[in-house]
Amino acid sequence: MSTAQFTGTSTYLASAHLRDIVNVAVALQKPLLIRGEPGTGKTRLAEAVAEGLGLTLLGWNIKSTTKARDGLYLYDTIQRLNDARFGDRDITDISQYIKYGTLGQAFRANERCVVLVDEIDKADMEFPNDLLHELDVMSFKVDETGETIAAIHRPIMVITSNNEKELPDAFLRRCVFHYIEFPEQDFMRDIVHVHHPDVEEKLLHQVMMVFYWLREQPEIRKRPSTSELIDWIAALRHAGFAADKIEQELPFLGVLLKRENDLNAVQTIRARSKRNRLG
């Protein structure tokens, strides 16, 4: 097993705490459960771990209709029926109709890989429990063929959650947990410089001041995230907007705020502040 340590990548800055917990999860061979508000890089973490350790990434995007078995395999009964009616293929070979899901592919891979289970809390409450056996023994049985698929290499699993539902205790016991805190301003500056290495300091100062001011307003329901800050800076630079006008005019606010109520709330806050200044 590789002893390489995750240190982040050139495009993904990870805090010391995050780097440490990733390496602990890898060493313990346990799934890493990641929570944090939108825009803190939960999904990107799995991509960064794969890139940083030189491994293949397999993604499984969870929906409300997703079942645990979908990640293992699917038996294509429709294709077999069509082949029986119209084709000349030997349909007695059931294995050709088995389509492996993300976990199935990871278990069968000849090299260790990273598996992203993205937004596990979107599925129903039974979904995490239905994965307990596979997480423990890293194998599953294909009922249609009787074959047992056991992991050649135990994958590194990164599981993200937006905390929309509470996950079962039995599932949580099998995971290493980390909550990604929203970056403080100094760390956020470092993140911005990764994406905008030549950003003007005066512009960066102004956008950071406005950005964190917006995040502090209790009236705003969906606070702007890191990715939206990066996009906002790109929009301002593309338009050649003067840094000294940003705080006054709040240009391209729709890049930061994505709800009409939040945009209206900012207008109300600014109007109230102006009235207070005028006495």
Protein backbone atom coordinates (compact mmCIF):
# COMPACT_ATOMS: atom_id res chain seq x y z
CA MET A 1 0.00 0.00 0.00
CA SER A 2 1.25 3.47 -0.86
CA THR A 3 2.63 5.54 2.01
CA ALA A 4 2.21 8.84 0.15
CA GLN A 5 0.76 11.66 2.21
CA PHE A 6 -1.93 14.05 1.04
CA THR A 7 -0.69 17.64 1.17
CA GLY A 8 -3.20 19.36 -1.12
CA THR A 9 -2.57 20.27 -4.75
CA SER A 10 -1.58 23.32 -6.74
CA THR A 11 -5.26 24.17 -7.20
CA TYR A 12 -6.69 22.94 -3.89
CA LEU A 13 -5.34 24.45 -0.70
CA ALA A 14 -6.15 22.25 2.28
CA SER A 15 -5.82 23.44 5.86
CA ALA A 16 -3.46 21.55 8.17
CA HIS A 17 -6.44 19.99 9.99
CA LEU A 18 -7.96 18.79 6.72
CA ARG A 19 -4.68 17.36 5.47
CA ASP A 20 -4.20 15.50 8.75
CA ILE A 21 -7.69 14.01 8.82
CA VAL A 22 -7.42 12.82 5.21
CA ASN A 23 -4.17 11.03 6.00
CA VAL A 24 -5.66 9.53 9.17
CA ALA A 25 -8.64 8.16 7.21
CA VAL A 26 -6.29 6.71 4.59
CA ALA A 27 -4.09 5.11 7.24
CA LEU A 28 -7.06 3.64 9.14
CA GLN A 29 -8.68 2.55 5.85
CA LYS A 30 -11.98 4.11 6.91
CA PRO A 31 -14.40 6.25 4.89
CA LEU A 32 -13.92 9.98 5.38
CA LEU A 33 -17.24 11.73 6.01
CA ILE A 34 -17.04 15.43 5.13
CA ARG A 35 -19.53 18.12 6.09
CA GLY A 36 -19.44 21.87 5.66
CA GLU A 37 -21.55 24.64 4.21
CA PRO A 38 -21.87 24.80 0.41
CA GLY A 39 -18.81 26.15 -1.32
CA THR A 40 -16.23 24.92 1.18
CA GLY A 41 -14.77 22.39 -1.25
CA LYS A 42 -16.27 19.11 -0.05
CA THR A 43 -16.64 17.57 -3.49
CA ARG A 44 -13.40 19.08 -4.75
CA LEU A 45 -11.59 17.40 -1.86
CA ALA A 46 -12.07 13.95 -3.38
CA GLU A 47 -10.73 15.22 -6.70
CA ALA A 48 -7.74 16.75 -4.91
CA VAL A 49 -7.02 13.56 -2.95
CA ALA A 50 -7.04 11.55 -6.17
CA GLU A 51 -4.79 14.08 -7.90
CA GLY A 52 -2.48 14.48 -4.94
CA LEU A 53 -1.97 10.74 -4.45
CA GLY A 54 -1.92 9.94 -8.17
CA LEU A 55 -5.01 7.73 -8.06
CA THR A 56 -8.08 7.32 -10.24
CA LEU A 57 -11.28 9.01 -9.05
CA LEU A 58 -14.65 7.26 -9.32
CA GLY A 59 -17.66 9.44 -8.55
CA TRP A 60 -21.11 8.41 -7.32
CA ASN A 61 -23.57 11.32 -7.25
CA ILE A 62 -26.41 10.42 -4.89
CA LYS A 63 -30.03 11.31 -5.66
CA SER A 64 -33.25 10.84 -3.72
CA THR A 65 -33.97 7.68 -5.74
CA THR A 66 -30.50 6.14 -5.40
CA LYS A 67 -30.30 2.70 -3.81
CA ALA A 68 -27.20 1.17 -2.25
CA ARG A 69 -27.23 -1.67 -4.75
CA ASP A 70 -26.86 0.86 -7.59
CA GLY A 71 -23.29 1.41 -6.46
CA LEU A 72 -22.54 -2.31 -6.57
CA TYR A 73 -24.07 -3.58 -9.81
CA LEU A 74 -27.13 -3.63 -12.01
CA TYR A 75 -28.51 -6.61 -13.90
CA ASP A 76 -29.61 -5.51 -17.37
CA THR A 77 -32.69 -7.65 -17.81
CA ILE A 78 -33.98 -5.52 -20.71
CA GLN A 79 -30.85 -6.10 -22.78
CA ARG A 80 -30.96 -9.83 -22.10
CA LEU A 81 -34.61 -9.95 -23.12
CA ASN A 82 -33.86 -8.07 -26.35
CA ASP A 83 -30.96 -10.38 -27.11
CA ALA A 84 -33.21 -13.39 -26.53
CA ARG A 85 -35.80 -12.04 -28.96
CA PHE A 86 -33.70 -10.41 -31.66
CA GLY A 87 -30.01 -11.16 -31.19
CA ASP A 88 -27.64 -14.04 -31.78
CA ARG A 89 -25.72 -13.60 -28.53
CA ASP A 90 -25.44 -16.47 -26.07
CA ILE A 91 -27.76 -15.27 -23.33
CA THR A 92 -26.81 -18.09 -20.97
CA ASP A 93 -23.71 -16.08 -20.03
CA ILE A 94 -25.34 -13.92 -17.37
CA SER A 95 -22.12 -12.10 -16.53
CA GLN A 96 -22.28 -10.07 -19.76
CA TYR A 97 -25.45 -8.41 -18.47
CA ILE A 98 -23.94 -7.33 -15.16
CA LYS A 99 -23.08 -3.60 -15.15
CA TYR A 100 -20.90 -2.63 -12.22
CA GLY A 101 -21.59 0.58 -10.32
CA THR A 102 -19.04 2.89 -8.72
CA LEU A 103 -18.22 0.64 -5.76
CA GLY A 104 -18.25 -2.44 -7.95
CA GLN A 105 -15.74 -0.82 -10.30
CA ALA A 106 -13.57 0.25 -7.36
CA PHE A 107 -13.56 -3.26 -5.86
CA ARG A 108 -12.61 -4.81 -9.19
CA ALA A 109 -9.91 -2.26 -10.05
CA ASN A 110 -6.34 -3.53 -10.27
CA GLU A 111 -5.09 -0.39 -8.54
CA ARG A 112 -6.29 1.52 -5.52
CA CYS A 113 -8.66 4.36 -6.36
CA VAL A 114 -10.57 7.17 -4.68
CA VAL A 115 -14.36 6.83 -4.46
CA LEU A 116 -16.49 9.93 -4.01
CA VAL A 117 -19.98 9.33 -2.58
CA ASP A 118 -21.37 12.80 -3.09
CA GLU A 119 -24.26 14.13 -0.96
CA ILE A 120 -25.14 10.88 0.77
CA ASP A 121 -27.86 12.64 2.77
CA LYS A 122 -29.99 13.04 -0.38
CA ALA A 123 -30.85 9.34 -0.34
CA ASP A 124 -33.44 7.77 1.93
CA MET A 125 -32.61 6.82 5.51
CA GLU A 126 -31.97 3.16 4.66
CA PHE A 127 -29.26 3.95 2.11
CA PRO A 128 -26.33 4.29 4.58
CA ASN A 129 -27.44 1.20 6.53
CA ASP A 130 -27.61 -0.81 3.32
CA LEU A 131 -23.91 -0.10 2.73
CA LEU A 132 -22.70 -1.24 6.16
CA HIS A 133 -21.77 -4.77 5.13
CA GLU A 134 -19.89 -3.64 2.05
CA LEU A 135 -18.01 -0.99 4.02
CA ASP A 136 -16.98 -3.57 6.60
CA VAL A 137 -15.91 -6.50 4.44
CA MET A 138 -15.31 -4.71 1.14
CA SER A 139 -17.11 -7.38 -0.86
CA PHE A 140 -20.54 -8.21 -2.23
CA LYS A 141 -22.27 -11.08 -3.98
CA VAL A 142 -23.77 -10.89 -7.45
CA ASP A 143 -26.99 -12.83 -6.90
CA GLU A 144 -27.57 -13.61 -10.58
CA THR A 145 -24.19 -15.32 -11.07
CA GLY A 146 -23.32 -16.36 -7.53
CA GLU A 147 -19.95 -14.62 -7.85
CA THR A 148 -18.48 -12.77 -4.89
CA ILE A 149 -16.69 -9.53 -5.77
CA ALA A 150 -14.04 -8.74 -3.17
CA ALA A 151 -11.96 -5.57 -3.26
CA ILE A 152 -8.51 -6.18 -4.72
CA HIS A 153 -7.44 -2.89 -3.14
CA ARG A 154 -9.48 -1.15 -0.47
CA PRO A 155 -10.50 2.20 -2.00
CA ILE A 156 -10.13 5.56 -0.31
CA MET A 157 -13.70 6.69 0.25
CA VAL A 158 -14.69 10.34 0.58
CA ILE A 159 -18.35 10.80 1.53
CA THR A 160 -19.91 14.25 1.52
CA SER A 161 -23.02 15.40 3.35
CA ASN A 162 -24.91 18.68 3.51
CA ASN A 163 -26.53 17.57 6.77
CA GLU A 164 -30.02 17.49 5.22
CA LYS A 165 -30.68 14.27 7.15
CA GLU A 166 -29.14 12.70 10.21
CA LEU A 167 -27.05 9.67 9.31
CA PRO A 168 -27.45 6.44 11.33
CA ASP A 169 -25.11 5.91 14.28
CA ALA A 170 -23.98 2.55 12.93
CA PHE A 171 -22.85 4.24 9.73
CA LEU A 172 -21.13 7.10 11.55
CA ARG A 173 -19.13 4.64 13.68
CA ARG A 174 -17.49 3.34 10.55
CA CYS A 175 -16.34 6.76 9.35
CA VAL A 176 -13.72 9.34 10.18
CA PHE A 177 -15.52 12.68 10.38
CA HIS A 178 -14.41 16.21 9.55
CA TYR A 179 -16.30 19.49 9.31
CA ILE A 180 -14.71 21.96 6.90
CA GLU A 181 -14.87 25.36 8.51
CA PHE A 182 -15.42 28.36 6.26
CA PRO A 183 -12.01 29.94 5.55
CA GLU A 184 -10.84 32.87 7.61
CA GLN A 185 -9.75 35.91 5.63
CA ASP A 186 -6.02 35.12 5.58
CA PHE A 187 -6.60 31.60 4.30
CA MET A 188 -9.20 32.89 1.84
CA ARG A 189 -6.59 35.25 0.41
CA ASP A 190 -4.33 32.28 -0.22
CA ILE A 191 -7.18 30.46 -1.97
CA VAL A 192 -7.94 33.49 -4.14
CA HIS A 193 -4.29 33.79 -5.17
CA VAL A 194 -4.37 30.21 -6.45
CA HIS A 195 -7.09 31.20 -8.92
CA HIS A 196 -6.07 34.83 -9.46
CA PRO A 197 -2.31 34.91 -8.84
CA ASP A 198 -1.88 38.43 -10.23
CA VAL A 199 -4.94 40.06 -8.65
CA GLU A 200 -4.42 43.68 -7.69
CA GLU A 201 -4.08 44.06 -3.92
CA LYS A 202 -6.46 47.04 -3.76
CA LEU A 203 -9.13 45.09 -5.64
CA LEU A 204 -8.65 42.05 -3.41
CA HIS A 205 -8.94 44.17 -0.28
CA GLN A 206 -12.23 45.68 -1.45
CA VAL A 207 -13.85 42.43 -2.56
CA MET A 208 -12.83 40.67 0.64
CA MET A 209 -14.32 43.45 2.74
CA VAL A 210 -17.64 43.32 0.86
CA PHE A 211 -17.69 39.52 0.71
CA TYR A 212 -17.30 38.99 4.45
CA TRP A 213 -19.70 41.85 5.17
CA LEU A 214 -22.35 40.07 3.10
CA ARG A 215 -21.74 36.81 4.92
CA GLU A 216 -22.30 38.54 8.28
CA GLN A 217 -25.76 39.86 7.36
CA PRO A 218 -28.42 37.73 9.10
CA GLU A 219 -31.04 38.72 6.51
CA ILE A 220 -29.17 36.85 3.77
CA ARG A 221 -30.32 33.24 3.64
CA LYS A 222 -27.76 31.83 1.18
CA ARG A 223 -24.43 33.32 2.05
CA PRO A 224 -21.91 33.62 -0.80
CA SER A 225 -19.33 30.85 -1.00
CA THR A 226 -15.67 30.60 -1.96
CA SER A 227 -16.41 29.66 -5.56
CA GLU A 228 -18.73 32.65 -5.90
CA LEU A 229 -16.05 34.97 -4.56
CA ILE A 230 -13.60 33.67 -7.14
CA ASP A 231 -16.20 34.15 -9.89
CA TRP A 232 -16.96 37.66 -8.65
CA ILE A 233 -13.31 38.67 -8.83
CA ALA A 234 -13.14 37.26 -12.36
CA ALA A 235 -16.20 39.29 -13.37
CA LEU A 236 -14.81 42.50 -11.86
CA ARG A 237 -11.45 42.05 -13.55
CA HIS A 238 -13.02 41.20 -16.89
CA ALA A 239 -15.10 44.38 -16.73
CA GLY A 240 -12.13 46.46 -15.57
CA PHE A 241 -14.17 47.72 -12.63
CA ALA A 242 -12.37 50.24 -10.44
CA ALA A 243 -11.55 48.92 -6.98
CA ASP A 244 -12.52 52.15 -5.22
CA LYS A 245 -16.10 51.90 -6.55
CA ILE A 246 -16.82 48.34 -5.46
CA GLU A 247 -18.06 49.06 -1.94
CA GLN A 248 -20.25 51.92 -3.12
CA GLU A 249 -21.85 50.27 -6.17
CA LEU A 250 -21.66 46.52 -5.42
CA PRO A 251 -21.40 45.59 -9.11
CA PHE A 252 -22.43 42.17 -10.45
CA LEU A 253 -24.01 41.26 -7.13
CA GLY A 254 -25.87 38.44 -8.86
CA VAL A 255 -22.58 36.57 -9.10
CA LEU A 256 -22.43 36.42 -5.30
CA LEU A 257 -26.10 36.18 -4.35
CA LYS A 258 -28.42 33.77 -6.16
CA ARG A 259 -31.77 34.50 -4.56
CA GLU A 260 -34.01 37.46 -5.24
CA ASN A 261 -34.85 37.81 -1.55
CA ASP A 262 -31.16 38.09 -0.71
CA LEU A 263 -30.59 40.77 -3.35
CA ASN A 264 -33.58 42.70 -1.99
CA ALA A 265 -32.26 42.26 1.55
CA VAL A 266 -28.96 43.90 0.58
CA GLN A 267 -30.80 46.88 -0.90
CA THR A 268 -32.83 47.21 2.29
CA ILE A 269 -29.74 46.99 4.50
CA ARG A 270 -27.91 49.62 2.48
CA ALA A 271 -30.91 51.96 2.44
CA ARG A 272 -31.29 51.60 6.21
CA SER A 273 -27.60 52.28 6.71
CA LYS A 274 -27.81 55.41 4.56
CA ARG A 275 -30.77 56.72 6.55
CA ASN A 276 -28.90 56.15 9.79
CA ARG A 277 -25.89 58.06 8.51
CA LEU A 278 -28.10 60.99 7.51
CA GLY A 279 -29.61 61.09 10.97
